[in-house]
């Protein structure tokens, strides 16, 4: 892995591990503040007034819907955090990681944080596409 969450696996109580947690919490707090601003705005009649029950804008051409679908598919494909985390969780903790003195608990926390961050990023990008 090539991100800050790898620091949590190696040495969670180091400055780098603390930085990884700080980055995660800043991103998550920013996400929830943004979403709460959208959903709690009393001046708006609806969060997405032009969306129907499927979450698609009404009254636009078919090629717009197709473009949105393609964009969402591509968003999922390029979310490296989601793919790496699910791959790591699927392969599981192994002897190579244990030989590098990586603890199972921190490996698991690191991968779940990476997965959660990737899902949050995907959700935010979906909101932008719609």
C-alpha atoms as a PDB file:
ATOM      1  CA  UNK A   1       0.000   0.000   0.000  1.00  0.00           C
ATOM      2  CA  UNK A   2       1.147   3.509  -0.758  1.00  0.00           C
ATOM      3  CA  UNK A   3      -0.861   5.748   1.515  1.00  0.00           C
ATOM      4  CA  UNK A   4      -0.858   7.163   5.017  1.00  0.00           C
ATOM      5  CA  UNK A   5      -2.818   4.223   6.388  1.00  0.00           C
ATOM      6  CA  UNK A   6       0.219   1.998   5.852  1.00  0.00           C
ATOM      7  CA  UNK A   7       1.903   3.960   8.659  1.00  0.00           C
ATOM      8  CA  UNK A   8      -0.722   2.614  11.048  1.00  0.00           C
ATOM      9  CA  UNK A   9       0.292  -0.949  10.270  1.00  0.00           C
ATOM     10  CA  UNK A  10       4.003  -0.392  10.772  1.00  0.00           C
ATOM     11  CA  UNK A  11       4.059   1.826  13.839  1.00  0.00           C
ATOM     12  CA  UNK A  12       0.668   3.154  14.967  1.00  0.00           C
ATOM     13  CA  UNK A  13       2.081   5.187  17.858  1.00  0.00           C
ATOM     14  CA  UNK A  14       4.658   7.074  15.805  1.00  0.00           C
ATOM     15  CA  UNK A  15       4.369  10.599  14.447  1.00  0.00           C
ATOM     16  CA  UNK A  16       3.563   9.125  11.020  1.00  0.00           C
ATOM     17  CA  UNK A  17       0.817   6.919  12.485  1.00  0.00           C
ATOM     18  CA  UNK A  18      -0.648   9.909  14.302  1.00  0.00           C
ATOM     19  CA  UNK A  19      -0.501  11.893  11.065  1.00  0.00           C
ATOM     20  CA  UNK A  20      -2.425   9.120   9.305  1.00  0.00           C
ATOM     21  CA  UNK A  21      -5.174   9.269  11.906  1.00  0.00           C
ATOM     22  CA  UNK A  22      -5.239  13.059  11.733  1.00  0.00           C
ATOM     23  CA  UNK A  23      -5.624  12.959   7.937  1.00  0.00           C
ATOM     24  CA  UNK A  24      -8.454  10.434   8.250  1.00  0.00           C
ATOM     25  CA  UNK A  25     -10.339  12.423  10.882  1.00  0.00           C
ATOM     26  CA  UNK A  26      -9.974  15.717   8.982  1.00  0.00           C
ATOM     27  CA  UNK A  27     -11.354  14.070   5.844  1.00  0.00           C
ATOM     28  CA  UNK A  28     -14.268  12.426   7.647  1.00  0.00           C
ATOM     29  CA  UNK A  29     -15.178  15.547   9.645  1.00  0.00           C
ATOM     30  CA  UNK A  30     -15.056  17.611   6.435  1.00  0.00           C
ATOM     31  CA  UNK A  31     -17.328  15.090   4.735  1.00  0.00           C
ATOM     32  CA  UNK A  32     -19.915  15.117   7.523  1.00  0.00           C
ATOM     33  CA  UNK A  33     -19.855  18.916   7.775  1.00  0.00           C
ATOM     34  CA  UNK A  34     -20.418  19.200   4.026  1.00  0.00           C
ATOM     35  CA  UNK A  35     -23.232  16.666   4.006  1.00  0.00           C
ATOM     36  CA  UNK A  36     -24.893  18.242   7.035  1.00  0.00           C
ATOM     37  CA  UNK A  37     -24.687  21.639   5.336  1.00  0.00           C
ATOM     38  CA  UNK A  38     -26.459  20.221   2.292  1.00  0.00           C
ATOM     39  CA  UNK A  39     -29.143  18.324   4.186  1.00  0.00           C
ATOM     40  CA  UNK A  40     -29.757  20.802   7.012  1.00  0.00           C
ATOM     41  CA  UNK A  41     -30.064  23.987   4.952  1.00  0.00           C
ATOM     42  CA  UNK A  42     -33.484  25.440   5.940  1.00  0.00           C
ATOM     43  CA  UNK A  43     -33.641  27.693   2.879  1.00  0.00           C
ATOM     44  CA  UNK A  44     -33.815  24.749   0.473  1.00  0.00           C
ATOM     45  CA  UNK A  45     -37.110  23.089  -0.262  1.00  0.00           C
ATOM     46  CA  UNK A  46     -35.350  19.828  -1.086  1.00  0.00           C
ATOM     47  CA  UNK A  47     -31.776  18.587  -1.138  1.00  0.00           C
ATOM     48  CA  UNK A  48     -32.011  17.485  -4.760  1.00  0.00           C
ATOM     49  CA  UNK A  49     -35.260  19.014  -6.036  1.00  0.00           C
ATOM     50  CA  UNK A  50     -34.828  17.659  -9.584  1.00  0.00           C
ATOM     51  CA  UNK A  51     -34.287  14.030  -8.643  1.00  0.00           C
ATOM     52  CA  UNK A  52     -36.938  11.386  -9.025  1.00  0.00           C
ATOM     53  CA  UNK A  53     -37.151   8.159  -7.020  1.00  0.00           C
ATOM     54  CA  UNK A  54     -34.234   6.658  -8.978  1.00  0.00           C
ATOM     55  CA  UNK A  55     -31.991   9.609  -8.195  1.00  0.00           C
ATOM     56  CA  UNK A  56     -31.792  10.829 -11.762  1.00  0.00           C
ATOM     57  CA  UNK A  57     -32.514  14.375 -12.920  1.00  0.00           C
ATOM     58  CA  UNK A  58     -35.864  14.741 -14.669  1.00  0.00           C
ATOM     59  CA  UNK A  59     -36.271  16.434 -18.002  1.00  0.00           C
ATOM     60  CA  UNK A  60     -32.797  15.816 -19.386  1.00  0.00           C
ATOM     61  CA  UNK A  61     -31.794  13.977 -22.519  1.00  0.00           C
ATOM     62  CA  UNK A  62     -30.998  10.282 -22.462  1.00  0.00           C
ATOM     63  CA  UNK A  63     -27.354  10.943 -23.266  1.00  0.00           C
ATOM     64  CA  UNK A  64     -27.050  12.858 -19.968  1.00  0.00           C
ATOM     65  CA  UNK A  65     -28.274   9.796 -18.054  1.00  0.00           C
ATOM     66  CA  UNK A  66     -25.882   7.584 -20.015  1.00  0.00           C
ATOM     67  CA  UNK A  67     -23.019   9.975 -19.289  1.00  0.00           C
ATOM     68  CA  UNK A  68     -23.857   9.957 -15.588  1.00  0.00           C
ATOM     69  CA  UNK A  69     -23.933   6.163 -15.530  1.00  0.00           C
ATOM     70  CA  UNK A  70     -20.577   5.951 -17.280  1.00  0.00           C
ATOM     71  CA  UNK A  71     -19.118   8.546 -14.911  1.00  0.00           C
ATOM     72  CA  UNK A  72     -20.311   6.600 -11.862  1.00  0.00           C
ATOM     73  CA  UNK A  73     -18.886   3.364 -13.248  1.00  0.00           C
ATOM     74  CA  UNK A  74     -15.529   5.057 -13.866  1.00  0.00           C
ATOM     75  CA  UNK A  75     -15.565   6.572 -10.372  1.00  0.00           C
ATOM     76  CA  UNK A  76     -15.820   3.112  -8.858  1.00  0.00           C
ATOM     77  CA  UNK A  77     -13.033   1.814 -11.097  1.00  0.00           C
ATOM     78  CA  UNK A  78     -10.569   4.543 -10.101  1.00  0.00           C
ATOM     79  CA  UNK A  79     -11.177   4.437  -6.341  1.00  0.00           C
ATOM     80  CA  UNK A  80      -7.839   2.883  -5.492  1.00  0.00           C
ATOM     81  CA  UNK A  81      -8.541   2.887  -1.755  1.00  0.00           C
ATOM     82  CA  UNK A  82     -11.602   0.691  -2.152  1.00  0.00           C
ATOM     83  CA  UNK A  83      -9.855  -1.793  -4.431  1.00  0.00           C
ATOM     84  CA  UNK A  84      -6.685  -2.041  -2.338  1.00  0.00           C
ATOM     85  CA  UNK A  85      -8.576  -2.404   0.933  1.00  0.00           C
ATOM     86  CA  UNK A  86     -10.932  -5.080  -0.373  1.00  0.00           C
ATOM     87  CA  UNK A  87      -8.022  -6.912  -1.992  1.00  0.00           C
ATOM     88  CA  UNK A  88      -6.010  -6.830   1.239  1.00  0.00           C
ATOM     89  CA  UNK A  89      -8.988  -7.951   3.299  1.00  0.00           C
ATOM     90  CA  UNK A  90      -9.723 -10.730   0.811  1.00  0.00           C
ATOM     91  CA  UNK A  91      -6.118 -12.006   0.808  1.00  0.00           C
ATOM     92  CA  UNK A  92      -6.008 -11.789   4.572  1.00  0.00           C
ATOM     93  CA  UNK A  93      -3.249 -11.315   7.091  1.00  0.00           C
ATOM     94  CA  UNK A  94      -0.274 -13.514   6.258  1.00  0.00           C
ATOM     95  CA  UNK A  95       3.086 -14.619   7.566  1.00  0.00           C
ATOM     96  CA  UNK A  96       4.944 -12.008   5.477  1.00  0.00           C
ATOM     97  CA  UNK A  97       3.164  -9.217   7.334  1.00  0.00           C
ATOM     98  CA  UNK A  98       3.784 -10.933  10.642  1.00  0.00           C
ATOM     99  CA  UNK A  99       7.505 -11.235   9.825  1.00  0.00           C
ATOM    100  CA  UNK A 100       7.586  -7.461   9.337  1.00  0.00           C
ATOM    101  CA  UNK A 101       6.230  -7.117  12.882  1.00  0.00           C
ATOM    102  CA  UNK A 102       2.875  -5.818  11.715  1.00  0.00           C
ATOM    103  CA  UNK A 103       0.140  -6.534  14.222  1.00  0.00           C
ATOM    104  CA  UNK A 104      -3.126  -8.022  12.961  1.00  0.00           C
ATOM    105  CA  UNK A 105      -5.233  -5.443  14.811  1.00  0.00           C
ATOM    106  CA  UNK A 106      -3.449  -2.487  13.165  1.00  0.00           C
ATOM    107  CA  UNK A 107      -3.492  -4.156   9.761  1.00  0.00           C
ATOM    108  CA  UNK A 108      -7.252  -4.610  10.088  1.00  0.00           C
ATOM    109  CA  UNK A 109      -7.841  -1.041  11.317  1.00  0.00           C
ATOM    110  CA  UNK A 110      -5.697   0.369   8.510  1.00  0.00           C
ATOM    111  CA  UNK A 111      -7.578  -1.514   5.814  1.00  0.00           C
ATOM    112  CA  UNK A 112     -11.029  -0.713   7.198  1.00  0.00           C
ATOM    113  CA  UNK A 113     -10.146   2.988   7.450  1.00  0.00           C
ATOM    114  CA  UNK A 114      -8.888   2.910   3.856  1.00  0.00           C
ATOM    115  CA  UNK A 115     -12.097   1.186   2.718  1.00  0.00           C
ATOM    116  CA  UNK A 116     -14.328   3.644   4.591  1.00  0.00           C
ATOM    117  CA  UNK A 117     -12.438   6.622   3.177  1.00  0.00           C
ATOM    118  CA  UNK A 118     -12.774   5.223  -0.357  1.00  0.00           C
ATOM    119  CA  UNK A 119     -16.518   4.721   0.083  1.00  0.00           C
ATOM    120  CA  UNK A 120     -16.932   8.267   1.412  1.00  0.00           C
ATOM    121  CA  UNK A 121     -14.974   9.649  -1.552  1.00  0.00           C
ATOM    122  CA  UNK A 122     -17.153   7.635  -3.929  1.00  0.00           C
ATOM    123  CA  UNK A 123     -20.343   8.923  -2.315  1.00  0.00           C
ATOM    124  CA  UNK A 124     -19.153  12.541  -2.537  1.00  0.00           C
ATOM    125  CA  UNK A 125     -18.232  12.103  -6.200  1.00  0.00           C
ATOM    126  CA  UNK A 126     -21.627  10.532  -6.936  1.00  0.00           C
ATOM    127  CA  UNK A 127     -23.294  13.573  -5.391  1.00  0.00           C
ATOM    128  CA  UNK A 128     -21.241  15.807  -7.677  1.00  0.00           C
ATOM    129  CA  UNK A 129     -22.158  13.774 -10.754  1.00  0.00           C
ATOM    130  CA  UNK A 130     -25.869  13.989  -9.977  1.00  0.00           C
END
